[in-house]
C-alpha atoms as a PDB file:
ATOM      1  CA  MET A   1     -10.639  20.052   2.881  1.00  0.00           C
ATOM      2  CA  VAL A   2      -8.015  21.300   0.429  1.00  0.00           C
ATOM      3  CA  LYS A   3      -5.376  19.166  -1.270  1.00  0.00           C
ATOM      4  CA  ALA A   4      -2.672  20.773  -3.384  1.00  0.00           C
ATOM      5  CA  PRO A   5       0.318  19.175  -5.147  1.00  0.00           C
ATOM      6  CA  ARG A   6       3.820  20.424  -4.438  1.00  0.00           C
ATOM      7  CA  SER A   7       5.390  19.387  -7.731  1.00  0.00           C
ATOM      8  CA  VAL A   8       4.514  18.672 -11.350  1.00  0.00           C
ATOM      9  CA  ILE A   9       4.808  14.922 -10.728  1.00  0.00           C
ATOM     10  CA  THR A  10       2.518  14.910  -7.695  1.00  0.00           C
ATOM     11  CA  GLY A  11       0.162  17.169  -9.638  1.00  0.00           C
ATOM     12  CA  ALA A  12      -0.093  14.605 -12.424  1.00  0.00           C
ATOM     13  CA  ALA A  13      -0.721  11.854  -9.862  1.00  0.00           C
ATOM     14  CA  MET A  14      -3.483  13.943  -8.290  1.00  0.00           C
ATOM     15  CA  GLU A  15      -5.211  14.360 -11.670  1.00  0.00           C
ATOM     16  CA  GLY A  16      -5.365  10.572 -11.998  1.00  0.00           C
ATOM     17  CA  GLU A  17      -6.637  10.379  -8.437  1.00  0.00           C
ATOM     18  CA  VAL A  18      -9.416  12.868  -9.203  1.00  0.00           C
ATOM     19  CA  ALA A  19     -10.593  10.809 -12.175  1.00  0.00           C
ATOM     20  CA  LEU A  20     -10.561   7.635 -10.088  1.00  0.00           C
ATOM     21  CA  LEU A  21     -12.451   9.272  -7.209  1.00  0.00           C
ATOM     22  CA  GLU A  22     -15.261  10.164  -9.582  1.00  0.00           C
ATOM     23  CA  ASN A  23     -15.543   6.521 -10.658  1.00  0.00           C
ATOM     24  CA  LEU A  24     -15.353   5.267  -7.077  1.00  0.00           C
ATOM     25  CA  ALA A  25     -18.142   7.653  -6.080  1.00  0.00           C
ATOM     26  CA  LEU A  26     -20.376   5.972  -8.669  1.00  0.00           C
ATOM     27  CA  ALA A  27     -19.473   2.567  -7.210  1.00  0.00           C
ATOM     28  CA  ILE A  28     -20.375   3.815  -3.731  1.00  0.00           C
ATOM     29  CA  ASP A  29     -23.714   5.161  -4.943  1.00  0.00           C
ATOM     30  CA  ASP A  30     -24.415   1.775  -6.553  1.00  0.00           C
ATOM     31  CA  GLY A  31     -23.703   0.011  -3.254  1.00  0.00           C
ATOM     32  CA  ASP A  32     -20.496  -1.683  -4.412  1.00  0.00           C
ATOM     33  CA  LEU A  33     -18.236  -0.039  -1.811  1.00  0.00           C
ATOM     34  CA  PRO A  34     -19.087   0.101   1.921  1.00  0.00           C
ATOM     35  CA  PHE A  35     -17.043   3.246   2.641  1.00  0.00           C
ATOM     36  CA  GLU A  36     -16.726   6.824   1.425  1.00  0.00           C
ATOM     37  CA  VAL A  37     -13.909   8.395  -0.575  1.00  0.00           C
ATOM     38  CA  PRO A  38     -13.108  12.080  -1.078  1.00  0.00           C
ATOM     39  CA  ARG A  39     -15.600  13.595  -3.514  1.00  0.00           C
ATOM     40  CA  PRO A  40     -14.156  16.625  -5.323  1.00  0.00           C
ATOM     41  CA  ALA A  41     -16.487  19.595  -4.963  1.00  0.00           C
ATOM     42  CA  GLY A  42     -14.366  22.085  -6.848  1.00  0.00           C
ATOM     43  CA  PHE A  43     -10.884  23.185  -7.875  1.00  0.00           C
ATOM     44  CA  ALA A  44      -8.731  26.266  -7.450  1.00  0.00           C
ATOM     45  CA  PRO A  45      -5.857  27.269  -9.765  1.00  0.00           C
ATOM     46  CA  LEU A  46      -2.424  27.558  -8.154  1.00  0.00           C
ATOM     47  CA  PRO A  47      -0.075  30.477  -8.902  1.00  0.00           C
ATOM     48  CA  GLU A  48       2.754  28.082  -9.776  1.00  0.00           C
ATOM     49  CA  GLY A  49       0.532  26.057 -12.097  1.00  0.00           C
ATOM     50  CA  GLY A  50      -1.799  23.122 -11.609  1.00  0.00           C
ATOM     51  CA  ARG A  51      -4.788  23.165  -9.318  1.00  0.00           C
ATOM     52  CA  ALA A  52      -5.885  22.359  -5.788  1.00  0.00           C
ATOM     53  CA  MET A  53      -8.799  20.046  -5.062  1.00  0.00           C
ATOM     54  CA  VAL A  54     -11.511  20.991  -2.562  1.00  0.00           C
ATOM     55  CA  PHE A  55     -13.689  18.267  -1.044  1.00  0.00           C
ATOM     56  CA  PRO A  56     -15.932  17.759   1.990  1.00  0.00           C
ATOM     57  CA  GLU A  57     -14.224  16.173   4.964  1.00  0.00           C
ATOM     58  CA  ILE A  58     -15.107  12.530   5.615  1.00  0.00           C
ATOM     59  CA  ALA A  59     -16.237  12.097   9.207  1.00  0.00           C
ATOM     60  CA  GLY A  60     -14.053   9.512  10.909  1.00  0.00           C
ATOM     61  CA  ARG A  61     -10.767   8.948  12.677  1.00  0.00           C
ATOM     62  CA  PRO A  62      -7.659   7.255  11.227  1.00  0.00           C
ATOM     63  CA  LEU A  63      -7.452   3.558  12.055  1.00  0.00           C
ATOM     64  CA  SER A  64      -5.083   2.893  14.936  1.00  0.00           C
ATOM     65  CA  VAL A  65      -2.975  -0.192  15.536  1.00  0.00           C
ATOM     66  CA  ALA A  66      -4.892  -0.750  18.778  1.00  0.00           C
ATOM     67  CA  GLN A  67      -8.151  -0.940  16.813  1.00  0.00           C
ATOM     68  CA  LEU A  68      -6.963  -3.541  14.322  1.00  0.00           C
ATOM     69  CA  ALA A  69      -7.610  -6.561  16.530  1.00  0.00           C
ATOM     70  CA  GLY A  70     -11.245  -5.599  17.062  1.00  0.00           C
ATOM     71  CA  MET A  71     -11.815  -4.308  13.540  1.00  0.00           C
ATOM     72  CA  ALA A  72      -9.954  -6.903  11.478  1.00  0.00           C
ATOM     73  CA  THR A  73     -13.162  -8.258   9.928  1.00  0.00           C
ATOM     74  CA  SER A  74     -14.539  -4.833   9.018  1.00  0.00           C
ATOM     75  CA  VAL A  75     -11.205  -3.767   7.528  1.00  0.00           C
ATOM     76  CA  ALA A  76     -10.841  -7.026   5.587  1.00  0.00           C
ATOM     77  CA  GLU A  77     -14.348  -6.764   4.141  1.00  0.00           C
ATOM     78  CA  ALA A  78     -13.718  -3.160   3.057  1.00  0.00           C
ATOM     79  CA  ILE A  79     -10.514  -4.182   1.252  1.00  0.00           C
ATOM     80  CA  ALA A  80     -12.237  -7.179  -0.328  1.00  0.00           C
ATOM     81  CA  ALA A  81     -14.987  -4.909  -1.662  1.00  0.00           C
ATOM     82  CA  LEU A  82     -12.368  -2.666  -3.270  1.00  0.00           C
ATOM     83  CA  HIS A  83     -10.566  -5.633  -4.812  1.00  0.00           C
ATOM     84  CA  SER A  84     -13.860  -6.954  -6.165  1.00  0.00           C
ATOM     85  CA  LEU A  85     -14.544  -3.832  -8.247  1.00  0.00           C
ATOM     86  CA  PRO A  86     -14.239  -4.188 -12.019  1.00  0.00           C
ATOM     87  CA  ILE A  87     -10.848  -2.970 -13.206  1.00  0.00           C
ATOM     88  CA  GLY A  88     -12.663  -0.667 -15.596  1.00  0.00           C
ATOM     89  CA  VAL A  89     -12.954   1.896 -12.791  1.00  0.00           C
ATOM     90  CA  LEU A  90      -9.342   2.806 -13.593  1.00  0.00           C
ATOM     91  CA  ALA A  91     -10.056   3.206 -17.305  1.00  0.00           C
ATOM     92  CA  GLU A  92      -9.066   6.606 -18.698  1.00  0.00           C
ATOM     93  CA  THR A  93      -7.682   7.773 -15.345  1.00  0.00           C
ATOM     94  CA  GLY A  94      -4.031   7.622 -16.384  1.00  0.00           C
ATOM     95  CA  LEU A  95      -3.290   5.345 -13.419  1.00  0.00           C
ATOM     96  CA  PRO A  96      -1.243   2.205 -14.202  1.00  0.00           C
ATOM     97  CA  THR A  97      -2.606  -1.235 -14.999  1.00  0.00           C
ATOM     98  CA  TYR A  98      -0.406  -4.359 -14.765  1.00  0.00           C
ATOM     99  CA  SER A  99      -0.833  -8.029 -15.495  1.00  0.00           C
ATOM    100  CA  ALA A 100       0.496 -10.558 -12.976  1.00  0.00           C
ATOM    101  CA  GLN A 101       3.485 -11.228 -15.239  1.00  0.00           C
ATOM    102  CA  GLU A 102       4.255  -7.528 -15.621  1.00  0.00           C
ATOM    103  CA  TYR A 103       4.036  -7.126 -11.866  1.00  0.00           C
ATOM    104  CA  ARG A 104       6.473  -9.990 -11.317  1.00  0.00           C
ATOM    105  CA  GLU A 105       8.903  -8.445 -13.789  1.00  0.00           C
ATOM    106  CA  ARG A 106       8.688  -5.085 -12.049  1.00  0.00           C
ATOM    107  CA  ARG A 107       9.471  -6.687  -8.702  1.00  0.00           C
ATOM    108  CA  LEU A 108      12.488  -8.450 -10.184  1.00  0.00           C
ATOM    109  CA  SER A 109      13.618  -5.217 -11.839  1.00  0.00           C
ATOM    110  CA  GLU A 110      13.464  -3.453  -8.494  1.00  0.00           C
ATOM    111  CA  VAL A 111      15.613  -6.147  -6.886  1.00  0.00           C
ATOM    112  CA  ASP A 112      18.153  -5.904  -9.708  1.00  0.00           C
ATOM    113  CA  GLU A 113      18.292  -2.125  -9.462  1.00  0.00           C
ATOM    114  CA  ALA A 114      18.856  -2.208  -5.699  1.00  0.00           C
ATOM    115  CA  ALA A 115      21.494  -4.947  -6.078  1.00  0.00           C
ATOM    116  CA  ALA A 116      23.532  -2.586  -8.263  1.00  0.00           C
ATOM    117  CA  THR A 117      23.946  -0.221  -5.296  1.00  0.00           C
ATOM    118  CA  GLY A 118      26.003  -2.822  -3.413  1.00  0.00           C
ATOM    119  CA  HIS A 119      24.013  -2.152  -0.236  1.00  0.00           C
ATOM    120  CA  VAL A 120      21.832  -5.274  -0.233  1.00  0.00           C
ATOM    121  CA  PRO A 121      23.070  -8.453   1.527  1.00  0.00           C
ATOM    122  CA  GLY A 122      23.519 -11.371  -0.846  1.00  0.00           C
ATOM    123  CA  SER A 123      21.227 -13.626   1.179  1.00  0.00           C
ATOM    124  CA  LEU A 124      18.341 -11.206   0.699  1.00  0.00           C
ATOM    125  CA  LEU A 125      18.982 -10.855  -3.011  1.00  0.00           C
ATOM    126  CA  GLN A 126      18.851 -14.629  -3.374  1.00  0.00           C
ATOM    127  CA  ARG A 127      15.704 -14.857  -1.228  1.00  0.00           C
ATOM    128  CA  TRP A 128      13.890 -12.226  -3.298  1.00  0.00           C
ATOM    129  CA  GLU A 129      15.109 -13.476  -6.663  1.00  0.00           C
ATOM    130  CA  ASP A 130      13.903 -16.976  -5.784  1.00  0.00           C
ATOM    131  CA  ALA A 131      10.470 -15.576  -4.919  1.00  0.00           C
ATOM    132  CA  CYS A 132      10.277 -13.448  -8.065  1.00  0.00           C
ATOM    133  CA  GLU A 133      11.307 -16.360 -10.275  1.00  0.00           C
ATOM    134  CA  ASP A 134       8.874 -18.856  -8.689  1.00  0.00           C
ATOM    135  CA  VAL A 135       5.956 -18.626 -11.088  1.00  0.00           C
ATOM    136  CA  ARG A 136       3.582 -20.202  -8.556  1.00  0.00           C
ATOM    137  CA  LEU A 137       3.517 -16.980  -6.551  1.00  0.00           C
ATOM    138  CA  TRP A 138       2.388 -14.922  -9.501  1.00  0.00           C
ATOM    139  CA  ARG A 139      -0.719 -16.842 -10.494  1.00  0.00           C
ATOM    140  CA  PHE A 140      -3.119 -14.229  -9.201  1.00  0.00           C
ATOM    141  CA  MET A 141      -5.909 -12.152 -10.675  1.00  0.00           C
ATOM    142  CA  PRO A 142      -4.909  -8.454 -10.758  1.00  0.00           C
ATOM    143  CA  THR A 143      -7.384  -6.204  -8.983  1.00  0.00           C
ATOM    144  CA  VAL A 144      -7.971  -2.546  -8.281  1.00  0.00           C
ATOM    145  CA  VAL A 145      -5.651  -1.744  -5.372  1.00  0.00           C
ATOM    146  CA  HIS A 146      -5.283   1.384  -3.273  1.00  0.00           C
ATOM    147  CA  GLY A 147      -1.506   1.136  -3.417  1.00  0.00           C
ATOM    148  CA  ASP A 148      -0.753   3.027  -0.182  1.00  0.00           C
ATOM    149  CA  LEU A 149      -3.161   1.495   2.324  1.00  0.00           C
ATOM    150  CA  LEU A 150      -1.481   2.540   5.540  1.00  0.00           C
ATOM    151  CA  PRO A 151      -3.702   2.397   8.652  1.00  0.00           C
ATOM    152  CA  GLU A 152      -3.896   6.211   8.796  1.00  0.00           C
ATOM    153  CA  HIS A 153      -5.503   6.247   5.352  1.00  0.00           C
ATOM    154  CA  ILE A 154      -8.452   4.186   6.641  1.00  0.00           C
ATOM    155  CA  LEU A 155     -11.093   6.226   8.515  1.00  0.00           C
ATOM    156  CA  THR A 156     -13.307   4.593  11.118  1.00  0.00           C
ATOM    157  CA  THR A 157     -16.332   5.386  13.250  1.00  0.00           C
ATOM    158  CA  GLY A 158     -17.906   3.140  15.854  1.00  0.00           C
ATOM    159  CA  GLY A 159     -15.874   0.098  14.897  1.00  0.00           C
ATOM    160  CA  ASN A 160     -16.651   0.363  11.179  1.00  0.00           C
ATOM    161  CA  VAL A 161     -14.622   1.522   8.190  1.00  0.00           C
ATOM    162  CA  VAL A 162     -16.331   4.674   6.909  1.00  0.00           C
ATOM    163  CA  GLY A 163     -13.772   6.133   4.524  1.00  0.00           C
ATOM    164  CA  VAL A 164     -10.503   5.612   2.665  1.00  0.00           C
ATOM    165  CA  ILE A 165      -8.325   8.549   1.562  1.00  0.00           C
ATOM    166  CA  GLU A 166      -5.101   9.170  -0.422  1.00  0.00           C
ATOM    167  CA  TRP A 167      -5.725   7.362  -3.722  1.00  0.00           C
ATOM    168  CA  ALA A 168      -2.866   8.781  -5.822  1.00  0.00           C
ATOM    169  CA  ALA A 169      -0.970   5.439  -5.810  1.00  0.00           C
ATOM    170  CA  ALA A 170      -3.975   3.385  -6.962  1.00  0.00           C
ATOM    171  CA  GLN A 171      -3.484   0.920  -9.800  1.00  0.00           C
ATOM    172  CA  VAL A 172      -4.532  -2.447 -11.132  1.00  0.00           C
ATOM    173  CA  GLY A 173      -2.039  -4.837  -9.589  1.00  0.00           C
ATOM    174  CA  ASP A 174      -1.410  -7.303  -6.779  1.00  0.00           C
ATOM    175  CA  PRO A 175      -4.062  -7.375  -4.010  1.00  0.00           C
ATOM    176  CA  ALA A 176      -1.344  -8.503  -1.579  1.00  0.00           C
ATOM    177  CA  ASP A 177       0.100  -4.985  -1.688  1.00  0.00           C
ATOM    178  CA  ASP A 178      -2.927  -3.580   0.156  1.00  0.00           C
ATOM    179  CA  LEU A 179      -2.684  -6.222   2.875  1.00  0.00           C
ATOM    180  CA  ALA A 180       1.067  -5.878   3.485  1.00  0.00           C
ATOM    181  CA  PRO A 181       1.064  -2.575   5.459  1.00  0.00           C
ATOM    182  CA  LEU A 182      -1.895  -3.684   7.569  1.00  0.00           C
ATOM    183  CA  LEU A 183      -0.330  -7.047   8.365  1.00  0.00           C
ATOM    184  CA  ALA A 184       2.822  -5.140   9.298  1.00  0.00           C
ATOM    185  CA  ALA A 185       0.839  -3.146  11.851  1.00  0.00           C
ATOM    186  CA  ALA A 186      -1.582  -5.858  12.994  1.00  0.00           C
ATOM    187  CA  PRO A 187      -1.192  -7.496  16.403  1.00  0.00           C
ATOM    188  CA  GLU A 188      -0.485 -11.225  16.236  1.00  0.00           C
ATOM    189  CA  GLU A 189      -4.057 -12.119  17.153  1.00  0.00           C
ATOM    190  CA  ALA A 190      -5.499  -9.944  14.363  1.00  0.00           C
ATOM    191  CA  MET A 191      -3.407 -11.390  11.539  1.00  0.00           C
ATOM    192  CA  ASP A 192      -5.328 -14.645  11.092  1.00  0.00           C
ATOM    193  CA  THR A 193      -8.688 -12.874  11.404  1.00  0.00           C
ATOM    194  CA  LEU A 194      -7.723 -10.304   8.790  1.00  0.00           C
ATOM    195  CA  LEU A 195      -6.623 -12.944   6.284  1.00  0.00           C
ATOM    196  CA  GLU A 196      -9.551 -15.292   6.926  1.00  0.00           C
ATOM    197  CA  ALA A 197     -12.156 -12.521   6.722  1.00  0.00           C
ATOM    198  CA  TYR A 198     -10.584 -11.189   3.534  1.00  0.00           C
ATOM    199  CA  GLY A 199     -10.584 -14.641   1.932  1.00  0.00           C
ATOM    200  CA  ALA A 200     -14.212 -15.257   2.901  1.00  0.00           C
ATOM    201  CA  ALA A 201     -15.335 -11.876   1.564  1.00  0.00           C
ATOM    202  CA  ARG A 202     -13.444 -12.196  -1.732  1.00  0.00           C
ATOM    203  CA  GLY A 203     -14.338 -15.830  -2.344  1.00  0.00           C
ATOM    204  CA  VAL A 204     -11.247 -16.165  -4.549  1.00  0.00           C
ATOM    205  CA  GLU A 205      -8.552 -18.794  -4.063  1.00  0.00           C
ATOM    206  CA  ASP A 206      -5.061 -17.274  -3.756  1.00  0.00           C
ATOM    207  CA  GLU A 207      -2.820 -19.623  -1.788  1.00  0.00           C
ATOM    208  CA  HIS A 208       0.229 -17.388  -2.127  1.00  0.00           C
ATOM    209  CA  LEU A 209      -1.449 -14.159  -1.021  1.00  0.00           C
ATOM    210  CA  LEU A 210       0.371 -14.102   2.322  1.00  0.00           C
ATOM    211  CA  ALA A 211       3.688 -14.986   0.695  1.00  0.00           C
ATOM    212  CA  ARG A 212       3.407 -12.044  -1.690  1.00  0.00           C
ATOM    213  CA  ALA A 213       2.399  -9.774   1.196  1.00  0.00           C
ATOM    214  CA  VAL A 214       5.561 -10.821   3.047  1.00  0.00           C
ATOM    215  CA  LEU A 215       7.603 -10.179  -0.094  1.00  0.00           C
ATOM    216  CA  ALA A 216       6.008  -6.752  -0.542  1.00  0.00           C
ATOM    217  CA  SER A 217       6.759  -5.875   3.069  1.00  0.00           C
ATOM    218  CA  GLU A 218      10.407  -6.921   2.766  1.00  0.00           C
ATOM    219  CA  LEU A 219      10.870  -5.175  -0.571  1.00  0.00           C
ATOM    220  CA  ALA A 220       9.481  -1.990   0.956  1.00  0.00           C
ATOM    221  CA  ILE A 221      12.951  -1.458   2.415  1.00  0.00           C
ATOM    222  CA  LEU A 222      14.288  -1.254  -1.129  1.00  0.00           C
ATOM    223  CA  ARG A 223      11.941   1.635  -1.805  1.00  0.00           C
ATOM    224  CA  TRP A 224      13.410   3.400   1.182  1.00  0.00           C
ATOM    225  CA  LEU A 225      16.958   2.592   0.084  1.00  0.00           C
ATOM    226  CA  MET A 226      16.391   3.730  -3.489  1.00  0.00           C
ATOM    227  CA  HIS A 227      14.696   6.906  -2.299  1.00  0.00           C
ATOM    228  CA  GLY A 228      17.857   7.674  -0.338  1.00  0.00           C
ATOM    229  CA  VAL A 229      20.072   6.824  -3.313  1.00  0.00           C
ATOM    230  CA  ARG A 230      18.094   8.986  -5.734  1.00  0.00           C
ATOM    231  CA  SER A 231      17.867  11.921  -3.340  1.00  0.00           C
ATOM    232  CA  HIS A 232      21.516  11.526  -2.234  1.00  0.00           C
ATOM    233  CA  ASP A 233      20.353  11.378   1.401  1.00  0.00           C
ATOM    234  CA  SER A 234      22.999   9.531   3.390  1.00  0.00           C
ATOM    235  CA  ASP A 235      20.795   9.347   6.497  1.00  0.00           C
ATOM    236  CA  VAL A 236      18.079   7.495   4.592  1.00  0.00           C
ATOM    237  CA  ILE A 237      20.646   5.209   2.954  1.00  0.00           C
ATOM    238  CA  ASN A 238      22.232   4.357   6.300  1.00  0.00           C
ATOM    239  CA  ASP A 239      18.828   3.715   7.851  1.00  0.00           C
ATOM    240  CA  ALA A 240      17.840   1.422   4.988  1.00  0.00           C
ATOM    241  CA  VAL A 241      21.159  -0.441   5.124  1.00  0.00           C
ATOM    242  CA  HIS A 242      20.656  -1.040   8.854  1.00  0.00           C
ATOM    243  CA  MET A 243      17.151  -2.375   8.213  1.00  0.00           C
ATOM    244  CA  LEU A 244      18.444  -4.643   5.462  1.00  0.00           C
ATOM    245  CA  GLU A 245      21.100  -6.058   7.770  1.00  0.00           C
ATOM    246  CA  GLU A 246      18.483  -6.744  10.434  1.00  0.00           C
ATOM    247  CA  LEU A 247      16.216  -8.410   7.906  1.00  0.00           C
ATOM    248  CA  ALA A 248      19.065 -10.556   6.597  1.00  0.00           C
ATOM    249  CA  ALA A 249      19.786 -11.759  10.120  1.00  0.00           C
ATOM    250  CA  ALA A 250      16.112 -12.421  10.872  1.00  0.00           C
ATOM    251  CA  THR A 251      15.560 -14.442   7.691  1.00  0.00           C
ATOM    252  CA  GLU A 252      18.843 -16.348   7.734  1.00  0.00           C
ATOM    253  CA  ASP A 253      17.138 -19.631   8.637  1.00  0.00           C
ATOM    254  CA  ALA A 254      13.636 -18.706   7.497  1.00  0.00           C
ATOM    255  CA  GLU A 255      11.594 -20.771   5.087  1.00  0.00           C
ATOM    256  CA  PRO A 256      11.490 -19.607   1.463  1.00  0.00           C
ATOM    257  CA  ILE A 257       8.907 -16.928   0.778  1.00  0.00           C
ATOM    258  CA  ALA A 258       7.069 -19.187  -1.677  1.00  0.00           C
ATOM    259  CA  THR A 259       6.178 -21.663   1.086  1.00  0.00           C
ATOM    260  CA  ILE A 260       4.886 -19.149   3.656  1.00  0.00           C
ATOM    261  CA  GLY A 261       1.324 -20.022   4.635  1.00  0.00           C
ATOM    262  CA  VAL A 262       1.201 -23.117   2.431  1.00  0.00           C
ATOM    263  CA  ALA A 263       1.752 -26.702   3.585  1.00  0.00           C
ATOM    264  CA  PRO A 264       3.808 -28.689   1.000  1.00  0.00           C
ATOM    265  CA  GLU A 265       1.684 -31.801   1.389  1.00  0.00           C
ATOM    266  CA  MET A 266      -1.543 -29.947   0.656  1.00  0.00           C
ATOM    267  CA  THR A 267      -3.062 -29.262  -2.718  1.00  0.00           C
ATOM    268  CA  ALA A 268      -2.903 -25.879  -4.376  1.00  0.00           C
ATOM    269  CA  ALA A 269      -6.407 -25.095  -3.135  1.00  0.00           C
ATOM    270  CA  GLU A 270      -5.561 -25.710   0.534  1.00  0.00           C
ATOM    271  CA  THR A 271      -3.681 -23.438   2.869  1.00  0.00           C
ATOM    272  CA  THR A 272      -2.508 -23.450   6.463  1.00  0.00           C
ATOM    273  CA  PRO A 273      -2.570 -20.626   9.020  1.00  0.00           C
ATOM    274  CA  PRO A 274       0.416 -18.303   8.591  1.00  0.00           C
ATOM    275  CA  PRO A 275       3.421 -19.188  10.746  1.00  0.00           C
ATOM    276  CA  ALA A 276       4.562 -16.801  13.461  1.00  0.00           C
ATOM    277  CA  GLY A 277       7.736 -16.106  11.526  1.00  0.00           C
ATOM    278  CA  ALA A 278       5.721 -14.739   8.626  1.00  0.00           C
ATOM    279  CA  ALA A 279       3.928 -12.313  10.914  1.00  0.00           C
ATOM    280  CA  GLU A 280       7.222 -11.136  12.355  1.00  0.00           C
ATOM    281  CA  SER A 281       8.689 -10.676   8.897  1.00  0.00           C
ATOM    282  CA  VAL A 282       5.751  -8.577   7.739  1.00  0.00           C
ATOM    283  CA  ARG A 283       5.500  -6.617  10.976  1.00  0.00           C
ATOM    284  CA  SER A 284       9.149  -5.760  11.567  1.00  0.00           C
ATOM    285  CA  PHE A 285      10.491  -4.677   8.229  1.00  0.00           C
ATOM    286  CA  ALA A 286       8.008  -2.370   6.508  1.00  0.00           C
ATOM    287  CA  ALA A 287      10.003   0.704   5.546  1.00  0.00           C
ATOM    288  CA  PRO A 288       8.682   4.146   6.525  1.00  0.00           C
ATOM    289  CA  GLY A 289       6.740   5.833   3.778  1.00  0.00           C
ATOM    290  CA  SER A 290       7.202   2.812   1.543  1.00  0.00           C
ATOM    291  CA  GLY A 291       3.795   2.933  -0.039  1.00  0.00           C
ATOM    292  CA  ALA A 292       4.414   6.237  -1.822  1.00  0.00           C
ATOM    293  CA  ILE A 293       7.125   5.023  -4.208  1.00  0.00           C
ATOM    294  CA  PRO A 294       6.158   2.422  -6.837  1.00  0.00           C
ATOM    295  CA  LEU A 295       8.272  -0.705  -7.100  1.00  0.00           C
ATOM    296  CA  GLY A 296      10.093  -1.579 -10.257  1.00  0.00           C
ATOM    297  CA  GLU A 297      10.642   1.807 -11.825  1.00  0.00           C
ATOM    298  CA  PRO A 298      13.091   4.649 -11.153  1.00  0.00           C
ATOM    299  CA  ALA A 299      11.339   7.429  -9.269  1.00  0.00           C
ATOM    300  CA  PRO A 300      12.467  11.042  -9.734  1.00  0.00           C
ATOM    301  CA  GLU A 301      13.456  12.894  -6.590  1.00  0.00           C
ATOM    302  CA  ALA A 302      10.292  14.946  -6.685  1.00  0.00           C
ATOM    303  CA  GLU A 303       8.169  11.806  -6.455  1.00  0.00           C
ATOM    304  CA  ALA A 304       9.050  11.456  -2.802  1.00  0.00           C
ATOM    305  CA  GLU A 305       7.728  14.959  -2.030  1.00  0.00           C
ATOM    306  CA  PRO A 306       4.649  15.017   0.171  1.00  0.00           C
ATOM    307  CA  GLN A 307       1.477  16.721  -0.929  1.00  0.00           C
ATOM    308  CA  VAL A 308       0.057  19.536   1.138  1.00  0.00           C
ATOM    309  CA  ARG A 309      -3.294  19.051   2.815  1.00  0.00           C
ATOM    310  CA  LEU A 310      -4.866  20.829   5.774  1.00  0.00           C
ATOM    311  CA  ARG A 311      -5.673  18.737   8.881  1.00  0.00           C
ATOM    312  CA  SER A 312      -7.827  19.641  11.893  1.00  0.00           C
ATOM    313  CA  GLU A 313      -6.048  20.956  14.988  1.00  0.00           C
ATOM    314  CA  GLU A 314      -7.788  18.242  16.983  1.00  0.00           C
ATOM    315  CA  GLU A 315      -5.687  15.610  15.224  1.00  0.00           C
ATOM    316  CA  GLY A 316      -2.451  17.527  15.665  1.00  0.00           C
ATOM    317  CA  LEU A 317       0.620  17.460  13.482  1.00  0.00           C
ATOM    318  CA  ASP A 318       3.088  14.648  12.939  1.00  0.00           C
ATOM    319  CA  ASP A 319       6.307  15.308  11.053  1.00  0.00           C
ATOM    320  CA  ASP A 320       6.420  11.688   9.899  1.00  0.00           C
ATOM    321  CA  MET A 321       3.087  11.884   8.122  1.00  0.00           C
ATOM    322  CA  PRO A 322       3.145  12.668   4.394  1.00  0.00           C
ATOM    323  CA  THR A 323       0.390  15.287   4.658  1.00  0.00           C
ATOM    324  CA  VAL A 324      -1.288  17.651   7.102  1.00  0.00           C
ATOM    325  CA  GLU A 325      -4.907  18.786   7.095  1.00  0.00           C
ATOM    326  CA  LEU A 326      -7.006  21.673   8.460  1.00  0.00           C
ATOM    327  CA  PRO A 327     -10.648  22.466   7.692  1.00  0.00           C
ATOM    328  CA  LEU A 328     -11.462  25.539   5.627  1.00  0.00           C
ATOM    329  CA  GLU A 329     -12.726  28.345   7.848  1.00  0.00           C
ATOM    330  CA  ASP A 330     -15.002  29.845   5.188  1.00  0.00           C
ATOM    331  CA  GLU A 331     -16.097  29.275   1.619  1.00  0.00           C
ATOM    332  CA  ASP A 332     -13.282  31.476   0.248  1.00  0.00           C
END
């Protein structure tokens, strides 16, 4: 497989990814991760500057929504293993590391920035500001996160997770971010299994994990909106505005984000199964391509550019996917 950046910014992100992949390979060899990651086998200079990465293809097919119900436990255990890695695997990679407080501040900054556009309904701004300012939500232990864990970035074989690709958005941050896109895609019956299996595998109490996943899913629309604003793309802006209006209507009488999945009469260590409304919120309003643009910081136009990869003809091409892949036909 060949992966080449299309801009200076994506090239810098790929260099951090390469450094991380080397560290993750060591974790795999030590038995700390139950899946494979791309292992760089070599590099080729590009005429326009930078370099392309060459790596052996990981055997497996992208996870489908239909598979999630039957594979929720396997997927949850794979994510839990990633989140259990020492944060030192990101050391000297150039990839970002945030404390829980810094992450909360970045979320709030993103809400403030989007509010300045005038496109966000007031009810949503209040809902998100309340969640960002509720310190109970942000008492979590930052972990290594993939940062763009869409189902198509998880490779499976025979009902097991065998690989995870596209690590350029990895960071030390909120573990809820990796669950949000999967909960958005998961069928209703898979949602509880995914959360329960993840909690059992991690063995870490985090009563507001689901609440932050819901928040991340809702705020994903802001990434889409701000991408449209920065790139001056009226179609994207209009699409995001429509999604925001739908979300405002759907959450008009919804419970506050901070209480999702938590019963008020219970102690901080006890949780209740997530309500159906939480599943609908996560599932219905994840913006397209949201995982590629970090929250809380202005992203240059070029940051939204896809990277070029080659995908096998068997998988076909999809204009909505950020990359395409094809196998190399020979060693040259």
